[in-house]
Every structure is written in C-alpha cells, then in structure tokens.
Amino acid sequence: MPGYLLHQGATVLCLHAGQAQPTAPNPRVKVGGQAIVTQPTAYTIAGCPFNVSGSPVPCVTAQFTTAATRVKSGGVPVLLKDSQAVCAPNGTGVNIVVTQVRVKGQ
C-alpha cells in the first residue's frame, strides 16, 4: 500500500505519547530539506509515561518491522507513514502522527 515517506522531522509517538526520534536518518535522500529514514534505523523514545502497577516500564527504543516494498535508498527499504514498529521493552507500537505530504512510496 502506498504511503508518504517518513523523514527526520516527522512526528512519531509511542502508544503512550512518548516522542520518538530516528538515531541515524539517511542523509543522501531528502524530502522538504529533511533526511528520510530507512528501515534499519532505530528510534529512541523520550518522555514515555507508561508504568505497570506503580512500576515504570517506559518505552525506550522502537524498531520498524515493515517498510516500503518497492522504494529503497542505498538498497535499504525506506519507511512510510503506514510502516509498523515495536517498542522495547514492552512490545507496544508507535503512531506516526505527522509527516511530509509530497513524496509517496510503495
């Protein structure tokens, strides 16, 4: 399914509203002046308030499990607005709230 390419400035949140940022965006390809993000790139998460029975278990990192099937950068699939991720250590997902709306991939 086609979707907009994910870029460094996209708003990505863990399911508990912690802010996720890519650790190493792809500097070779830019959309709207910002680097895109490829599938192997991990995301760090800050400000996750999740806790279980009074014991904090916040999301710390996220790794994307799905990406574009037809669009690659440097031989690596790019991330799309509909890509899925898993957060560690609790296994929840992420919400991609805002991204650029000019370039689509599949």
Protein backbone atom coordinates (compact mmCIF):
# COMPACT_ATOMS: atom_id res chain seq x y z
CA MET A 1 0.00 0.00 0.00
CA PRO A 2 1.47 3.40 -0.92
CA GLY A 3 2.24 5.95 1.77
CA TYR A 4 4.20 9.13 2.36
CA LEU A 5 7.92 8.73 3.08
CA LEU A 6 8.95 9.19 6.70
CA HIS A 7 11.51 11.93 7.30
CA GLN A 8 13.60 13.17 10.20
CA GLY A 9 11.10 15.87 11.19
CA ALA A 10 8.06 13.57 11.26
CA THR A 11 6.09 13.36 14.50
CA VAL A 12 6.34 9.77 15.76
CA LEU A 13 4.97 8.83 19.18
CA CYS A 14 4.94 5.59 21.15
CA LEU A 15 1.40 4.49 22.04
CA HIS A 16 1.82 6.20 25.45
CA ALA A 17 2.71 9.55 23.78
CA GLY A 18 6.49 9.44 24.24
CA GLN A 19 8.38 11.32 21.49
CA ALA A 20 10.36 9.08 19.11
CA GLN A 21 13.36 10.31 17.07
CA PRO A 22 15.46 8.42 14.49
CA THR A 23 19.03 7.68 15.58
CA ALA A 24 20.55 7.82 12.07
CA PRO A 25 18.45 9.25 9.23
CA ASN A 26 19.63 8.71 5.65
CA PRO A 27 21.48 11.94 4.70
CA ARG A 28 21.68 11.07 0.97
CA VAL A 29 17.95 11.48 0.26
CA LYS A 30 15.94 14.46 1.45
CA VAL A 31 12.30 15.49 1.23
CA GLY A 32 11.35 19.02 2.17
CA GLY A 33 15.00 19.61 3.10
CA GLN A 34 15.00 16.83 5.71
CA ALA A 35 16.64 13.41 5.54
CA ILE A 36 14.42 10.36 5.05
CA VAL A 37 14.54 7.33 7.36
CA THR A 38 15.24 3.72 6.31
CA GLN A 39 14.06 0.51 7.98
CA PRO A 40 17.22 -0.49 9.91
CA THR A 41 17.27 2.85 11.73
CA ALA A 42 16.31 2.54 15.39
CA TYR A 43 14.28 5.23 17.11
CA THR A 44 14.94 6.49 20.64
CA ILE A 45 11.92 7.41 22.75
CA ALA A 46 11.82 10.15 25.36
CA GLY A 47 9.06 11.03 27.80
CA CYS A 48 7.08 7.78 27.80
CA PRO A 49 4.94 7.77 30.97
CA PHE A 50 3.96 4.06 30.86
CA ASN A 51 4.00 2.14 34.15
CA VAL A 52 2.53 -1.12 35.41
CA SER A 53 1.18 -1.31 38.96
CA GLY A 54 3.23 1.71 40.00
CA SER A 55 6.44 0.36 38.48
CA PRO A 56 7.66 2.41 35.48
CA VAL A 57 8.23 0.47 32.25
CA PRO A 58 8.63 3.26 29.69
CA CYS A 59 9.25 2.72 26.01
CA VAL A 60 12.97 3.31 25.34
CA THR A 61 13.51 2.37 21.69
CA ALA A 62 11.44 1.41 18.65
CA GLN A 63 12.40 -0.74 15.67
CA PHE A 64 10.33 -0.75 12.49
CA THR A 65 9.23 -4.17 11.28
CA THR A 66 7.60 -3.13 7.99
CA ALA A 67 8.73 -0.68 5.32
CA ALA A 68 8.33 0.07 1.62
CA THR A 69 8.45 -2.96 -0.66
CA ARG A 70 9.36 -1.14 -3.85
CA VAL A 71 11.25 2.02 -2.81
CA LYS A 72 14.78 1.77 -1.44
CA SER A 73 17.64 4.11 -0.67
CA GLY A 74 21.11 2.58 -0.89
CA GLY A 75 19.47 -0.83 -1.26
CA VAL A 76 17.56 -0.46 2.03
CA PRO A 77 13.73 -0.07 2.24
CA VAL A 78 12.51 3.40 3.24
CA LEU A 79 9.93 3.92 5.99
CA LEU A 80 6.41 5.01 5.09
CA LYS A 81 3.58 6.62 7.07
CA ASP A 82 1.91 3.20 7.35
CA SER A 83 5.06 1.33 8.47
CA GLN A 84 4.76 -0.62 11.74
CA ALA A 85 7.19 -0.66 14.68
CA VAL A 86 7.66 -2.43 18.01
CA CYS A 87 8.83 -0.58 21.12
CA ALA A 88 11.22 -2.08 23.66
CA PRO A 89 10.99 -3.19 26.39
CA ASN A 90 7.18 -3.52 26.46
CA GLY A 91 6.31 -4.51 22.85
CA THR A 92 3.78 -1.78 22.05
CA GLY A 93 3.65 0.06 18.73
CA VAL A 94 4.05 3.63 17.52
CA ASN A 95 1.79 6.27 15.97
CA ILE A 96 3.10 8.24 13.03
CA VAL A 97 1.13 11.43 13.51
CA VAL A 98 2.61 13.92 11.03
CA THR A 99 4.94 13.51 8.07
CA GLN A 100 5.66 15.31 4.81
CA VAL A 101 2.91 15.07 2.17
CA ARG A 102 4.75 15.48 -1.12
CA VAL A 103 6.57 12.19 -1.78
CA LYS A 104 4.86 8.78 -1.73
CA GLY A 105 6.39 5.34 -1.94
CA GLN A 106 5.17 1.78 -2.03
